[in-house]
Amino acid sequence: YFFVTGGLIFAFLGIFVAFLAKTFDQLSAFSTFILLPLTYLGGVFISIQNLPEIWQKLSKLNPLFYLINGFRYSILGQSDVDLNVSALISLIGLIVTFVLAQIALKKGSFSRW
């Protein structure tokens, strides 16, 4: 579930950002300044239980954290939060990115907005 949901979320997000960006530099800026920090705060390399309390709270506001948590559970059998919560937030993320990608595809370009 998390593998397919994660793949679709990133695919839809890629479509959305591709229509939003006008240059390759803008595409790179999105991944560098938005996606990469969200990934690191999502607990990719360590469990958020090892982080100070303030960073744990900030990580739980990160939607990628729940997707990464589902991956961690599927591989290691350990979870930082309830798996049902991770599945629900991942599904909401899938729906939001799908809608954004549909809007981008229908408009064709954000410069016309």
C-alpha atoms as a PDB file:
ATOM      1  CA  TYR A   1       0.000   0.000   0.000  1.00  0.00           C
ATOM      2  CA  PHE A   2       2.656   2.530   1.035  1.00  0.00           C
ATOM      3  CA  PHE A   3       4.885   1.684  -1.918  1.00  0.00           C
ATOM      4  CA  VAL A   4       2.109   2.317  -4.455  1.00  0.00           C
ATOM      5  CA  THR A   5       0.726   5.339  -2.608  1.00  0.00           C
ATOM      6  CA  GLY A   6       4.187   6.897  -2.270  1.00  0.00           C
ATOM      7  CA  GLY A   7       4.974   6.332  -5.930  1.00  0.00           C
ATOM      8  CA  LEU A   8       1.725   7.938  -7.018  1.00  0.00           C
ATOM      9  CA  ILE A   9       2.120  10.888  -4.642  1.00  0.00           C
ATOM     10  CA  PHE A  10       5.566  11.689  -6.014  1.00  0.00           C
ATOM     11  CA  ALA A  11       4.392  11.180  -9.606  1.00  0.00           C
ATOM     12  CA  PHE A  12       1.456  13.562  -9.154  1.00  0.00           C
ATOM     13  CA  LEU A  13       3.669  16.033  -7.310  1.00  0.00           C
ATOM     14  CA  GLY A  14       6.159  15.872 -10.182  1.00  0.00           C
ATOM     15  CA  ILE A  15       3.437  16.683 -12.709  1.00  0.00           C
ATOM     16  CA  PHE A  16       2.245  19.589 -10.594  1.00  0.00           C
ATOM     17  CA  VAL A  17       5.724  21.061 -10.101  1.00  0.00           C
ATOM     18  CA  ALA A  18       6.657  20.528 -13.763  1.00  0.00           C
ATOM     19  CA  PHE A  19       3.779  22.740 -14.846  1.00  0.00           C
ATOM     20  CA  LEU A  20       4.502  25.267 -12.105  1.00  0.00           C
ATOM     21  CA  ALA A  21       8.208  25.695 -12.879  1.00  0.00           C
ATOM     22  CA  LYS A  22       9.369  27.676 -15.853  1.00  0.00           C
ATOM     23  CA  THR A  23      13.037  26.609 -15.718  1.00  0.00           C
ATOM     24  CA  PHE A  24      15.074  23.626 -14.589  1.00  0.00           C
ATOM     25  CA  ASP A  25      16.453  25.783 -11.793  1.00  0.00           C
ATOM     26  CA  GLN A  26      12.964  26.188 -10.371  1.00  0.00           C
ATOM     27  CA  LEU A  27      12.471  22.421 -10.499  1.00  0.00           C
ATOM     28  CA  SER A  28      15.744  21.965  -8.661  1.00  0.00           C
ATOM     29  CA  ALA A  29      14.830  24.611  -6.087  1.00  0.00           C
ATOM     30  CA  PHE A  30      11.610  22.764  -5.246  1.00  0.00           C
ATOM     31  CA  SER A  31      13.395  19.516  -4.565  1.00  0.00           C
ATOM     32  CA  THR A  32      16.259  21.203  -2.703  1.00  0.00           C
ATOM     33  CA  PHE A  33      14.368  23.633  -0.484  1.00  0.00           C
ATOM     34  CA  ILE A  34      11.017  21.901   0.024  1.00  0.00           C
ATOM     35  CA  LEU A  35      11.180  18.177  -0.650  1.00  0.00           C
ATOM     36  CA  LEU A  36      14.605  17.409   0.826  1.00  0.00           C
ATOM     37  CA  PRO A  37      13.978  19.054   4.234  1.00  0.00           C
ATOM     38  CA  LEU A  38      10.576  17.345   4.479  1.00  0.00           C
ATOM     39  CA  THR A  39      12.258  14.028   3.758  1.00  0.00           C
ATOM     40  CA  TYR A  40      14.923  14.528   6.425  1.00  0.00           C
ATOM     41  CA  LEU A  41      12.345  15.659   8.998  1.00  0.00           C
ATOM     42  CA  GLY A  42      10.245  12.632   8.056  1.00  0.00           C
ATOM     43  CA  GLY A  43      12.576  10.265   9.877  1.00  0.00           C
ATOM     44  CA  VAL A  44      14.178   8.565   6.891  1.00  0.00           C
ATOM     45  CA  PHE A  45      17.469   7.770   8.572  1.00  0.00           C
ATOM     46  CA  ILE A  46      16.482   7.514  12.237  1.00  0.00           C
ATOM     47  CA  SER A  47      13.328   7.089  14.252  1.00  0.00           C
ATOM     48  CA  ILE A  48      11.889  10.397  15.393  1.00  0.00           C
ATOM     49  CA  GLN A  49      11.909   8.971  18.933  1.00  0.00           C
ATOM     50  CA  ASN A  50      15.646   9.786  18.938  1.00  0.00           C
ATOM     51  CA  LEU A  51      15.000  13.468  18.208  1.00  0.00           C
ATOM     52  CA  PRO A  52      14.463  16.214  20.808  1.00  0.00           C
ATOM     53  CA  GLU A  53      10.826  16.855  21.729  1.00  0.00           C
ATOM     54  CA  ILE A  54      10.445  19.982  19.566  1.00  0.00           C
ATOM     55  CA  TRP A  55      11.675  18.156  16.455  1.00  0.00           C
ATOM     56  CA  GLN A  56       9.346  15.228  17.184  1.00  0.00           C
ATOM     57  CA  LYS A  57       6.390  17.611  17.218  1.00  0.00           C
ATOM     58  CA  LEU A  58       7.533  19.293  13.999  1.00  0.00           C
ATOM     59  CA  SER A  59       8.033  15.914  12.340  1.00  0.00           C
ATOM     60  CA  LYS A  60       4.462  14.921  13.145  1.00  0.00           C
ATOM     61  CA  LEU A  61       3.253  17.968  11.183  1.00  0.00           C
ATOM     62  CA  ASN A  62       5.118  16.697   8.131  1.00  0.00           C
ATOM     63  CA  PRO A  63       2.878  14.657   5.781  1.00  0.00           C
ATOM     64  CA  LEU A  64       5.887  12.763   4.389  1.00  0.00           C
ATOM     65  CA  PHE A  65       6.602  11.458   7.887  1.00  0.00           C
ATOM     66  CA  TYR A  66       3.501   9.249   7.751  1.00  0.00           C
ATOM     67  CA  LEU A  67       4.423   7.841   4.358  1.00  0.00           C
ATOM     68  CA  ILE A  68       7.975   7.130   5.514  1.00  0.00           C
ATOM     69  CA  ASN A  69       6.598   5.608   8.709  1.00  0.00           C
ATOM     70  CA  GLY A  70       4.542   3.180   6.638  1.00  0.00           C
ATOM     71  CA  PHE A  71       7.622   2.191   4.635  1.00  0.00           C
ATOM     72  CA  ARG A  72       9.577   1.690   7.850  1.00  0.00           C
ATOM     73  CA  TYR A  73       6.852  -0.542   9.246  1.00  0.00           C
ATOM     74  CA  SER A  74       6.683  -2.634   6.074  1.00  0.00           C
ATOM     75  CA  ILE A  75      10.444  -3.229   6.128  1.00  0.00           C
ATOM     76  CA  LEU A  76      11.390  -3.266   9.822  1.00  0.00           C
ATOM     77  CA  GLY A  77       8.090  -3.962  11.550  1.00  0.00           C
ATOM     78  CA  GLN A  78       8.530  -0.843  13.729  1.00  0.00           C
ATOM     79  CA  SER A  79       6.358   2.240  13.688  1.00  0.00           C
ATOM     80  CA  ASP A  80       6.557   5.634  15.395  1.00  0.00           C
ATOM     81  CA  VAL A  81       2.808   6.279  15.113  1.00  0.00           C
ATOM     82  CA  ASP A  82      -0.315   4.190  14.569  1.00  0.00           C
ATOM     83  CA  LEU A  83      -0.233   2.502  11.172  1.00  0.00           C
ATOM     84  CA  ASN A  84      -3.884   3.393  10.488  1.00  0.00           C
ATOM     85  CA  VAL A  85      -3.075   7.084  10.942  1.00  0.00           C
ATOM     86  CA  SER A  86      -0.161   6.722   8.519  1.00  0.00           C
ATOM     87  CA  ALA A  87      -2.396   5.005   5.968  1.00  0.00           C
ATOM     88  CA  LEU A  88      -5.105   7.658   6.280  1.00  0.00           C
ATOM     89  CA  ILE A  89      -2.754  10.643   5.967  1.00  0.00           C
ATOM     90  CA  SER A  90      -0.997   8.969   3.029  1.00  0.00           C
ATOM     91  CA  LEU A  91      -4.362   8.517   1.324  1.00  0.00           C
ATOM     92  CA  ILE A  92      -5.236  12.174   1.934  1.00  0.00           C
ATOM     93  CA  GLY A  93      -1.860  13.154   0.459  1.00  0.00           C
ATOM     94  CA  LEU A  94      -2.592  10.997  -2.579  1.00  0.00           C
ATOM     95  CA  ILE A  95      -5.954  12.682  -3.118  1.00  0.00           C
ATOM     96  CA  VAL A  96      -4.517  16.200  -2.705  1.00  0.00           C
ATOM     97  CA  THR A  97      -1.636  15.604  -5.122  1.00  0.00           C
ATOM     98  CA  PHE A  98      -3.993  13.942  -7.617  1.00  0.00           C
ATOM     99  CA  VAL A  99      -6.250  16.995  -7.583  1.00  0.00           C
ATOM    100  CA  LEU A 100      -3.272  19.340  -7.981  1.00  0.00           C
ATOM    101  CA  ALA A 101      -1.966  17.301 -10.932  1.00  0.00           C
ATOM    102  CA  GLN A 102      -5.416  17.288 -12.553  1.00  0.00           C
ATOM    103  CA  ILE A 103      -5.683  21.060 -12.211  1.00  0.00           C
ATOM    104  CA  ALA A 104      -2.208  21.490 -13.705  1.00  0.00           C
ATOM    105  CA  LEU A 105      -3.014  19.206 -16.634  1.00  0.00           C
ATOM    106  CA  LYS A 106      -6.324  20.923 -17.364  1.00  0.00           C
ATOM    107  CA  LYS A 107      -4.853  24.415 -17.221  1.00  0.00           C
ATOM    108  CA  GLY A 108      -1.807  23.419 -19.246  1.00  0.00           C
ATOM    109  CA  SER A 109       0.353  26.089 -17.701  1.00  0.00           C
ATOM    110  CA  PHE A 110       0.293  28.138 -14.549  1.00  0.00           C
ATOM    111  CA  SER A 111       1.295  31.242 -16.475  1.00  0.00           C
ATOM    112  CA  ARG A 112      -2.307  31.451 -17.716  1.00  0.00           C
ATOM    113  CA  TRP A 113      -3.772  31.551 -14.175  1.00  0.00           C
END
